[in-house]
Amino acid sequence: MHENIRLLVDRENSLNDMSIKAKSLKEDSKMFKDKSSDLVWQLWIRKNSIWLVAGVAIVAFIFFKIY
């Protein structure tokens, strides 16, 4: 009988530990998702930076030609 109670207490402790680890994993997963979405934009801007600079230069050239 005492052993069954001890096993139940051990099981409760291990379930509590798993719950804490699951919360931590969920928070880490959200942080990873946010950072990866930021990284996607950074890579896109770096990949297309030449086209962005060229576009801004053309628009500036046209703007200064008109005015």
N, C-alpha and C. Protein backbone atom coordinates (compact mmCIF):
# COMPACT_ATOMS: atom_id res chain seq x y z
N MET A 1 0.82 -1.20 0.00
CA MET A 1 0.00 0.00 0.00
C MET A 1 0.87 1.26 0.00
N HIS A 2 1.89 1.26 0.84
CA HIS A 2 2.78 2.42 0.90
C HIS A 2 3.52 2.60 -0.42
N GLU A 3 3.83 1.49 -1.03
CA GLU A 3 4.56 1.59 -2.30
C GLU A 3 3.67 2.18 -3.39
N ASN A 4 2.40 1.82 -3.39
CA ASN A 4 1.48 2.39 -4.38
C ASN A 4 1.33 3.90 -4.20
N ILE A 5 1.26 4.33 -2.96
CA ILE A 5 1.16 5.77 -2.70
C ILE A 5 2.43 6.48 -3.14
N ARG A 6 3.58 5.87 -2.87
CA ARG A 6 4.85 6.45 -3.29
C ARG A 6 4.92 6.54 -4.81
N LEU A 7 4.44 5.50 -5.49
CA LEU A 7 4.44 5.51 -6.97
C LEU A 7 3.52 6.60 -7.49
N LEU A 8 2.38 6.80 -6.84
CA LEU A 8 1.47 7.86 -7.26
C LEU A 8 2.08 9.25 -7.06
N VAL A 9 2.77 9.44 -5.95
CA VAL A 9 3.44 10.71 -5.69
C VAL A 9 4.56 10.93 -6.70
N ASP A 10 5.32 9.91 -6.99
CA ASP A 10 6.38 10.02 -8.00
C ASP A 10 5.81 10.35 -9.37
N ARG A 11 4.68 9.73 -9.68
CA ARG A 11 4.04 9.99 -10.97
C ARG A 11 3.56 11.44 -11.04
N GLU A 12 2.98 11.92 -9.96
CA GLU A 12 2.53 13.31 -9.92
C GLU A 12 3.71 14.27 -10.10
N ASN A 13 4.81 13.98 -9.44
CA ASN A 13 6.00 14.82 -9.59
C ASN A 13 6.52 14.81 -11.02
N SER A 14 6.54 13.65 -11.63
CA SER A 14 7.04 13.57 -13.01
C SER A 14 6.08 14.27 -13.97
N LEU A 15 4.77 14.19 -13.71
CA LEU A 15 3.80 14.91 -14.56
C LEU A 15 3.95 16.42 -14.39
N ASN A 16 4.21 16.87 -13.18
CA ASN A 16 4.43 18.30 -12.96
C ASN A 16 5.70 18.76 -13.69
N ASP A 17 6.74 17.96 -13.63
CA ASP A 17 7.98 18.29 -14.35
C ASP A 17 7.73 18.35 -15.86
N MET A 18 6.96 17.40 -16.36
CA MET A 18 6.63 17.39 -17.80
C MET A 18 5.82 18.63 -18.17
N SER A 19 4.92 19.03 -17.30
CA SER A 19 4.11 20.22 -17.56
C SER A 19 4.99 21.46 -17.64
N ILE A 20 5.93 21.59 -16.72
CA ILE A 20 6.85 22.72 -16.73
C ILE A 20 7.69 22.72 -18.00
N LYS A 21 8.18 21.55 -18.38
CA LYS A 21 9.00 21.44 -19.60
C LYS A 21 8.17 21.76 -20.85
N ALA A 22 6.89 21.35 -20.84
CA ALA A 22 6.02 21.63 -21.98
C ALA A 22 5.77 23.13 -22.11
N LYS A 23 5.57 23.82 -21.01
CA LYS A 23 5.39 25.27 -21.06
C LYS A 23 6.64 25.95 -21.59
N SER A 24 7.79 25.49 -21.12
CA SER A 24 9.05 26.05 -21.59
C SER A 24 9.24 25.81 -23.08
N LEU A 25 8.90 24.62 -23.53
CA LEU A 25 9.03 24.29 -24.95
C LEU A 25 8.08 25.15 -25.79
N LYS A 26 6.88 25.40 -25.28
CA LYS A 26 5.92 26.23 -26.00
C LYS A 26 6.44 27.66 -26.13
N GLU A 27 7.01 28.19 -25.05
CA GLU A 27 7.57 29.54 -25.11
C GLU A 27 8.76 29.61 -26.06
N ASP A 28 9.62 28.60 -26.02
CA ASP A 28 10.77 28.57 -26.93
C ASP A 28 10.32 28.45 -28.38
N SER A 29 9.27 27.68 -28.60
CA SER A 29 8.74 27.51 -29.95
C SER A 29 8.21 28.84 -30.49
N LYS A 30 7.48 29.58 -29.66
CA LYS A 30 6.95 30.88 -30.08
C LYS A 30 8.08 31.85 -30.38
N MET A 31 9.10 31.86 -29.52
CA MET A 31 10.25 32.73 -29.74
C MET A 31 10.97 32.36 -31.04
N PHE A 32 11.13 31.07 -31.31
CA PHE A 32 11.77 30.61 -32.54
C PHE A 32 10.96 31.03 -33.76
N LYS A 33 9.63 30.91 -33.67
CA LYS A 33 8.77 31.28 -34.79
C LYS A 33 8.88 32.77 -35.08
N ASP A 34 8.87 33.59 -34.03
CA ASP A 34 8.99 35.04 -34.22
C ASP A 34 10.34 35.41 -34.83
N LYS A 35 11.41 34.83 -34.31
CA LYS A 35 12.74 35.14 -34.83
C LYS A 35 12.91 34.67 -36.27
N SER A 36 12.32 33.52 -36.60
CA SER A 36 12.46 33.01 -37.96
C SER A 36 11.69 33.88 -38.95
N SER A 37 10.52 34.41 -38.53
CA SER A 37 9.79 35.29 -39.44
C SER A 37 10.56 36.59 -39.66
N ASP A 38 11.22 37.10 -38.61
CA ASP A 38 12.06 38.29 -38.78
C ASP A 38 13.22 37.99 -39.71
N LEU A 39 13.79 36.82 -39.58
CA LEU A 39 14.93 36.44 -40.41
C LEU A 39 14.54 36.30 -41.87
N VAL A 40 13.33 35.82 -42.13
CA VAL A 40 12.86 35.69 -43.51
C VAL A 40 12.84 37.07 -44.17
N TRP A 41 12.32 38.09 -43.46
CA TRP A 41 12.29 39.44 -44.03
C TRP A 41 13.70 39.99 -44.22
N GLN A 42 14.58 39.74 -43.26
CA GLN A 42 15.95 40.23 -43.40
C GLN A 42 16.63 39.61 -44.61
N LEU A 43 16.43 38.32 -44.81
CA LEU A 43 17.04 37.66 -45.96
C LEU A 43 16.44 38.16 -47.27
N TRP A 44 15.12 38.41 -47.29
CA TRP A 44 14.47 38.91 -48.50
C TRP A 44 15.02 40.29 -48.86
N ILE A 45 15.16 41.15 -47.85
CA ILE A 45 15.68 42.50 -48.10
C ILE A 45 17.13 42.43 -48.57
N ARG A 46 17.92 41.57 -47.94
CA ARG A 46 19.33 41.44 -48.35
C ARG A 46 19.42 40.91 -49.78
N LYS A 47 18.56 39.95 -50.12
CA LYS A 47 18.58 39.36 -51.46
C LYS A 47 18.16 40.37 -52.52
N ASN A 48 17.20 41.21 -52.20
CA ASN A 48 16.66 42.15 -53.18
C ASN A 48 17.13 43.58 -52.96
N SER A 49 18.18 43.77 -52.20
CA SER A 49 18.63 45.12 -51.87
C SER A 49 19.09 45.89 -53.11
N ILE A 50 19.71 45.21 -54.05
CA ILE A 50 20.18 45.89 -55.27
C ILE A 50 18.99 46.45 -56.04
N TRP A 51 17.93 45.65 -56.15
CA TRP A 51 16.75 46.11 -56.87
C TRP A 51 16.05 47.25 -56.12
N LEU A 52 16.03 47.16 -54.80
CA LEU A 52 15.42 48.23 -54.00
C LEU A 52 16.18 49.53 -54.15
N VAL A 53 17.51 49.47 -54.08
CA VAL A 53 18.33 50.68 -54.23
C VAL A 53 18.18 51.24 -55.64
N ALA A 54 18.17 50.38 -56.63
CA ALA A 54 18.01 50.84 -58.02
C ALA A 54 16.64 51.51 -58.20
N GLY A 55 15.62 50.92 -57.63
CA GLY A 55 14.27 51.51 -57.73
C GLY A 55 14.19 52.86 -57.06
N VAL A 56 14.78 52.98 -55.89
CA VAL A 56 14.77 54.27 -55.18
C VAL A 56 15.56 55.30 -55.98
N ALA A 57 16.67 54.90 -56.56
CA ALA A 57 17.48 55.82 -57.35
C ALA A 57 16.71 56.30 -58.58
N ILE A 58 16.00 55.41 -59.23
CA ILE A 58 15.22 55.79 -60.42
C ILE A 58 14.09 56.74 -60.03
N VAL A 59 13.40 56.43 -58.95
CA VAL A 59 12.31 57.31 -58.50
C VAL A 59 12.86 58.68 -58.10
N ALA A 60 14.00 58.71 -57.43
CA ALA A 60 14.61 59.99 -57.04
C ALA A 60 15.02 60.77 -58.28
N PHE A 61 15.60 60.08 -59.27
CA PHE A 61 16.02 60.73 -60.51
C PHE A 61 14.80 61.33 -61.23
N ILE A 62 13.73 60.57 -61.32
CA ILE A 62 12.51 61.07 -61.98
C ILE A 62 11.93 62.25 -61.18
N PHE A 63 11.92 62.13 -59.87
CA PHE A 63 11.38 63.20 -59.02
C PHE A 63 12.16 64.50 -59.21
N PHE A 64 13.50 64.41 -59.24
CA PHE A 64 14.31 65.61 -59.39
C PHE A 64 14.26 66.15 -60.81
N LYS A 65 14.00 65.32 -61.79
CA LYS A 65 13.86 65.79 -63.18
C LYS A 65 12.56 66.58 -63.35
N ILE A 66 11.51 66.12 -62.66
CA ILE A 66 10.23 66.80 -62.79
C ILE A 66 10.25 68.14 -62.05
N TYR A 67 10.83 68.17 -60.87
CA TYR A 67 10.81 69.38 -60.05
C TYR A 67 12.12 70.05 -60.15
